[in-house]
Amino acid sequence: MDRGDEGLALKGFFSQHPRACRWLSPFLLACSVYFLLWTPELRPSWAAALLKGLPVLCLVLLLGAVPALRGHARLLQGTLLCSAVGDTCLVWPETFLHGVAAFAAAHHLYLRAFGLSPLWLGLLLLALLAAATYLSVLLPHLQPAMARPMAAYALLLAAVLWRGLARGGSASLGALLFAVSDAVLAWDAFVQPLPHSHLVTMATYYAVQALITLSVLRSPEAQGRAGSTEGRTKSPSCRDLT
């Protein structure tokens, strides 16, 4: 896709989802505030946790305010809330595993939202191969108490990558960026420090949450058709009651 096609695609999206564009503004503002105020010297605190989790909470509100695939939207709201809990836990080093558990719960909900169709088992094999290769490098640097939880989390992340890629659209890019974000975070935390790792991790992470959130939006026309169909199916019941 060249720049002209990308511009047309973005223009089409903005015209199709005007309410989503307006509700993205708080998310973008919260992201900007986070990157402006965060410094390496920022100490763990509830204020720091709120600063980190606020963009994700803005996306929860977005899903409640715009037309979206209802079942998927509810599941993604659950993933965002679990992610916000994980963000909070990761602010304090001593609650790192609690954060991993919260993100594992989020990934479970991602799997439910993405579904199993189309199956594309070849993508599963590639995702598992990538996870196994990364774990073979990461595990020697982990303490025994961390090895099993991190291995289980990596396999769950591989499953999310598989289903996101199979689903296509912005969900596929979101799942891929989630794997990149977590890989950079784990490498920086357990193997060796990486330059600008925090910026890379958080920029990709916020992009992930926005991309997967936007993947369940539907057009106002589709919303209108759904509403008219619902009205037609309910009208006989209303007549029966009179």
Protein backbone atom coordinates (compact mmCIF):
# COMPACT_ATOMS: atom_id res chain seq x y z
CA MET A 1 0.00 0.00 0.00
CA ASP A 2 1.48 3.36 -1.03
CA ARG A 3 1.05 6.62 0.84
CA GLY A 4 -1.91 7.65 -1.27
CA ASP A 5 -3.75 4.42 -0.49
CA GLU A 6 -2.88 4.73 3.20
CA GLY A 7 -4.26 8.27 3.22
CA LEU A 8 -7.50 7.12 1.59
CA ALA A 9 -7.79 4.27 4.09
CA LEU A 10 -7.31 6.63 7.04
CA LYS A 11 -9.75 9.14 5.56
CA GLY A 12 -12.29 6.36 5.10
CA PHE A 13 -11.84 5.22 8.68
CA PHE A 14 -12.22 8.72 10.13
CA SER A 15 -15.34 9.40 8.07
CA GLN A 16 -16.83 6.03 9.03
CA HIS A 17 -16.11 6.33 12.75
CA PRO A 18 -16.44 10.02 13.72
CA ARG A 19 -17.38 9.23 17.32
CA ALA A 20 -14.39 6.90 17.69
CA CYS A 21 -12.08 9.67 16.50
CA ARG A 22 -13.50 12.04 19.11
CA TRP A 23 -13.17 9.43 21.85
CA LEU A 24 -9.58 8.70 20.84
CA SER A 25 -8.65 12.24 21.90
CA PRO A 26 -8.57 11.46 25.67
CA PHE A 27 -6.45 8.38 24.95
CA LEU A 28 -3.96 10.35 22.87
CA LEU A 29 -3.86 13.13 25.47
CA ALA A 30 -3.25 10.63 28.28
CA CYS A 31 -0.43 9.00 26.27
CA SER A 32 1.15 12.41 25.66
CA VAL A 33 0.96 13.30 29.35
CA TYR A 34 2.55 9.98 30.29
CA PHE A 35 5.52 10.39 27.96
CA LEU A 36 5.97 14.04 28.98
CA LEU A 37 5.94 13.35 32.74
CA TRP A 38 7.65 9.97 32.93
CA THR A 39 11.36 10.00 33.78
CA PRO A 40 13.76 7.16 34.72
CA GLU A 41 13.94 8.69 38.21
CA LEU A 42 10.16 8.48 38.72
CA ARG A 43 9.60 6.50 41.91
CA PRO A 44 6.90 3.82 42.22
CA SER A 45 3.72 5.41 43.56
CA TRP A 46 -0.01 5.37 43.02
CA ALA A 47 0.33 8.58 41.04
CA ALA A 48 2.81 6.87 38.71
CA ALA A 49 0.46 3.89 38.41
CA LEU A 50 -2.47 6.15 37.48
CA LEU A 51 -0.32 8.01 34.96
CA LYS A 52 0.62 4.69 33.34
CA GLY A 53 -2.84 3.11 33.32
CA LEU A 54 -4.92 6.13 32.34
CA PRO A 55 -4.55 5.71 28.53
CA VAL A 56 -5.83 2.14 28.75
CA LEU A 57 -8.78 3.22 30.89
CA CYS A 58 -9.63 5.82 28.23
CA LEU A 59 -9.98 2.98 25.73
CA VAL A 60 -12.43 1.22 28.07
CA LEU A 61 -14.61 4.33 27.89
CA LEU A 62 -14.21 4.47 24.09
CA LEU A 63 -15.60 0.95 23.70
CA GLY A 64 -18.59 1.90 25.79
CA ALA A 65 -19.32 5.04 23.78
CA VAL A 66 -19.03 3.99 20.13
CA PRO A 67 -20.71 1.37 17.93
CA ALA A 68 -18.80 -1.90 18.25
CA LEU A 69 -19.30 -5.63 17.95
CA ARG A 70 -21.04 -6.07 21.28
CA GLY A 71 -19.64 -9.40 22.48
CA HIS A 72 -16.11 -8.57 21.34
CA ALA A 73 -16.32 -5.10 22.89
CA ARG A 74 -17.23 -6.54 26.30
CA LEU A 75 -14.35 -9.00 26.14
CA LEU A 76 -11.91 -6.27 25.12
CA GLN A 77 -13.12 -4.04 27.93
CA GLY A 78 -12.20 -6.93 30.22
CA THR A 79 -8.76 -7.23 28.65
CA LEU A 80 -8.18 -3.50 29.07
CA LEU A 81 -9.16 -3.58 32.73
CA CYS A 82 -6.89 -6.58 33.35
CA SER A 83 -4.12 -4.73 31.51
CA ALA A 84 -4.64 -1.67 33.71
CA VAL A 85 -4.24 -3.90 36.78
CA GLY A 86 -1.08 -5.34 35.23
CA ASP A 87 0.24 -1.85 34.52
CA THR A 88 -0.31 -0.94 38.16
CA CYS A 89 1.47 -4.04 39.45
CA LEU A 90 4.49 -3.55 37.19
CA VAL A 91 5.11 -0.13 38.69
CA TRP A 92 6.43 -1.89 41.82
CA PRO A 93 9.20 -4.50 41.22
CA GLU A 94 7.98 -6.69 44.09
CA THR A 95 4.58 -7.17 42.41
CA PHE A 96 6.04 -8.12 39.02
CA LEU A 97 4.52 -11.62 39.02
CA HIS A 98 1.13 -10.20 39.98
CA GLY A 99 1.40 -8.02 36.89
CA VAL A 100 2.28 -11.05 34.76
CA ALA A 101 -0.80 -12.84 36.13
CA ALA A 102 -3.02 -9.86 35.29
CA PHE A 103 -1.70 -9.73 31.72
CA ALA A 104 -2.15 -13.49 31.43
CA ALA A 105 -5.83 -12.98 32.29
CA ALA A 106 -5.97 -10.24 29.64
CA HIS A 107 -4.48 -12.58 27.04
CA HIS A 108 -7.04 -15.24 27.90
CA LEU A 109 -9.78 -12.73 27.10
CA TYR A 110 -7.97 -11.74 23.90
CA LEU A 111 -8.11 -15.37 22.81
CA ARG A 112 -11.84 -15.49 23.45
CA ALA A 113 -12.36 -12.25 21.53
CA PHE A 114 -10.27 -13.37 18.53
CA GLY A 115 -11.94 -16.78 18.28
CA LEU A 116 -10.69 -19.83 16.41
CA SER A 117 -11.78 -19.05 12.87
CA PRO A 118 -9.89 -19.16 10.57
CA LEU A 119 -7.70 -21.75 12.27
CA TRP A 120 -4.41 -21.38 10.30
CA LEU A 121 -2.33 -23.95 12.19
CA GLY A 122 0.77 -22.95 10.24
CA LEU A 123 0.74 -19.60 12.03
CA LEU A 124 0.51 -21.43 15.37
CA LEU A 125 3.65 -23.41 14.57
CA LEU A 126 5.53 -20.23 13.65
CA ALA A 127 4.38 -18.45 16.83
CA LEU A 128 5.41 -21.42 19.00
CA LEU A 129 8.78 -21.62 17.25
CA ALA A 130 9.40 -17.93 17.89
CA ALA A 131 8.39 -18.31 21.55
CA ALA A 132 10.60 -21.37 22.04
CA THR A 133 13.59 -19.62 20.46
CA TYR A 134 13.15 -16.56 22.65
CA LEU A 135 12.65 -18.64 25.80
CA SER A 136 15.82 -20.62 25.11
CA VAL A 137 17.73 -17.35 25.41
CA LEU A 138 15.70 -15.83 28.25
CA LEU A 139 15.30 -18.75 30.68
CA PRO A 140 19.01 -19.08 31.65
CA HIS A 141 18.83 -15.51 33.00
CA LEU A 142 15.78 -16.12 35.19
CA GLN A 143 15.62 -17.21 38.80
CA PRO A 144 13.97 -20.63 39.29
CA ALA A 145 10.86 -19.06 40.81
CA MET A 146 10.42 -16.91 37.69
CA ALA A 147 11.12 -19.53 35.03
CA ARG A 148 7.82 -21.41 35.00
CA PRO A 149 5.52 -18.36 35.17
CA MET A 150 7.44 -16.63 32.39
CA ALA A 151 7.46 -19.77 30.21
CA ALA A 152 3.70 -20.16 30.65
CA TYR A 153 3.16 -16.49 29.86
CA ALA A 154 5.30 -16.73 26.72
CA LEU A 155 3.23 -19.66 25.44
CA LEU A 156 0.01 -17.75 26.12
CA LEU A 157 1.42 -14.73 24.28
CA ALA A 158 2.32 -17.00 21.36
CA ALA A 159 -1.29 -18.17 21.23
CA VAL A 160 -2.52 -14.57 21.17
CA LEU A 161 -0.05 -13.79 18.38
CA TRP A 162 -1.39 -16.77 16.41
CA ARG A 163 -5.04 -15.77 16.77
CA GLY A 164 -4.36 -12.08 16.16
CA LEU A 165 -2.46 -12.79 12.94
CA ALA A 166 -5.17 -15.19 11.81
CA ARG A 167 -7.89 -12.61 12.50
CA GLY A 168 -6.16 -10.02 10.30
CA GLY A 169 -6.65 -6.27 10.13
CA SER A 170 -5.50 -4.05 12.97
CA ALA A 171 -5.78 -7.01 15.38
CA SER A 172 -2.89 -8.75 13.60
CA LEU A 173 -0.63 -5.71 13.86
CA GLY A 174 -1.67 -5.25 17.49
CA ALA A 175 -0.84 -8.86 18.40
CA LEU A 176 2.53 -8.60 16.67
CA LEU A 177 3.40 -5.37 18.48
CA PHE A 178 2.33 -6.92 21.79
CA ALA A 179 4.89 -9.68 21.27
CA VAL A 180 7.55 -7.07 20.44
CA SER A 181 6.67 -4.94 23.47
CA ASP A 182 6.82 -7.87 25.91
CA ALA A 183 10.01 -9.22 24.35
CA VAL A 184 11.78 -5.87 24.76
CA LEU A 185 10.49 -5.56 28.34
CA ALA A 186 11.68 -9.04 29.32
CA TRP A 187 15.08 -8.66 27.64
CA ASP A 188 15.70 -5.32 29.32
CA ALA A 189 14.59 -6.64 32.73
CA PHE A 190 16.35 -10.02 32.76
CA VAL A 191 19.09 -10.21 30.11
CA GLN A 192 20.72 -6.81 29.67
CA PRO A 193 19.54 -3.16 29.64
CA LEU A 194 18.54 -1.84 26.25
CA PRO A 195 18.80 1.83 25.21
CA HIS A 196 15.42 3.58 25.20
CA SER A 197 13.75 0.29 26.16
CA HIS A 198 11.04 1.96 28.21
CA LEU A 199 10.09 4.28 25.35
CA VAL A 200 9.92 1.35 22.90
CA THR A 201 7.98 -0.84 25.32
CA MET A 202 5.34 1.72 26.23
CA ALA A 203 4.95 3.21 22.74
CA THR A 204 4.33 -0.21 21.22
CA TYR A 205 2.12 -1.23 24.17
CA TYR A 206 -0.20 1.76 23.85
CA ALA A 207 -0.31 1.27 20.07
CA VAL A 208 -1.28 -2.37 20.66
CA GLN A 209 -4.19 -1.50 22.90
CA ALA A 210 -5.49 1.13 20.47
CA LEU A 211 -5.18 -1.12 17.40
CA ILE A 212 -6.96 -4.07 18.99
CA THR A 213 -9.64 -1.78 20.43
CA LEU A 214 -10.31 -0.23 17.02
CA SER A 215 -10.51 -3.68 15.42
CA VAL A 216 -14.00 -4.27 16.86
CA LEU A 217 -15.57 -0.99 15.71
CA ARG A 218 -18.32 -1.15 13.17
CA SER A 219 -19.73 1.53 10.94
CA PRO A 220 -22.79 3.59 11.85
CA GLU A 221 -24.51 2.02 8.83
CA ALA A 222 -23.95 -1.45 10.26
CA GLN A 223 -25.18 -0.23 13.64
CA GLY A 224 -28.31 1.14 12.00
CA ARG A 225 -28.96 -2.11 10.15
CA ALA A 226 -28.53 -4.05 13.36
CA GLY A 227 -30.96 -1.77 15.13
CA SER A 228 -33.60 -2.03 12.38
CA THR A 229 -33.24 -5.81 12.30
CA GLU A 230 -33.64 -5.96 16.07
CA GLY A 231 -36.73 -3.79 15.81
CA ARG A 232 -38.26 -6.08 13.17
CA THR A 233 -37.63 -9.18 15.24
CA LYS A 234 -39.11 -7.61 18.37
CA SER A 235 -42.24 -6.12 16.76
CA PRO A 236 -44.26 -9.37 16.54
CA SER A 237 -43.68 -9.95 20.26
CA CYS A 238 -44.92 -6.45 21.01
CA ARG A 239 -48.08 -7.09 19.00
CA ASP A 240 -48.59 -10.35 20.82
CA LEU A 241 -48.59 -8.50 24.13
CA THR A 242 -51.37 -6.07 23.07
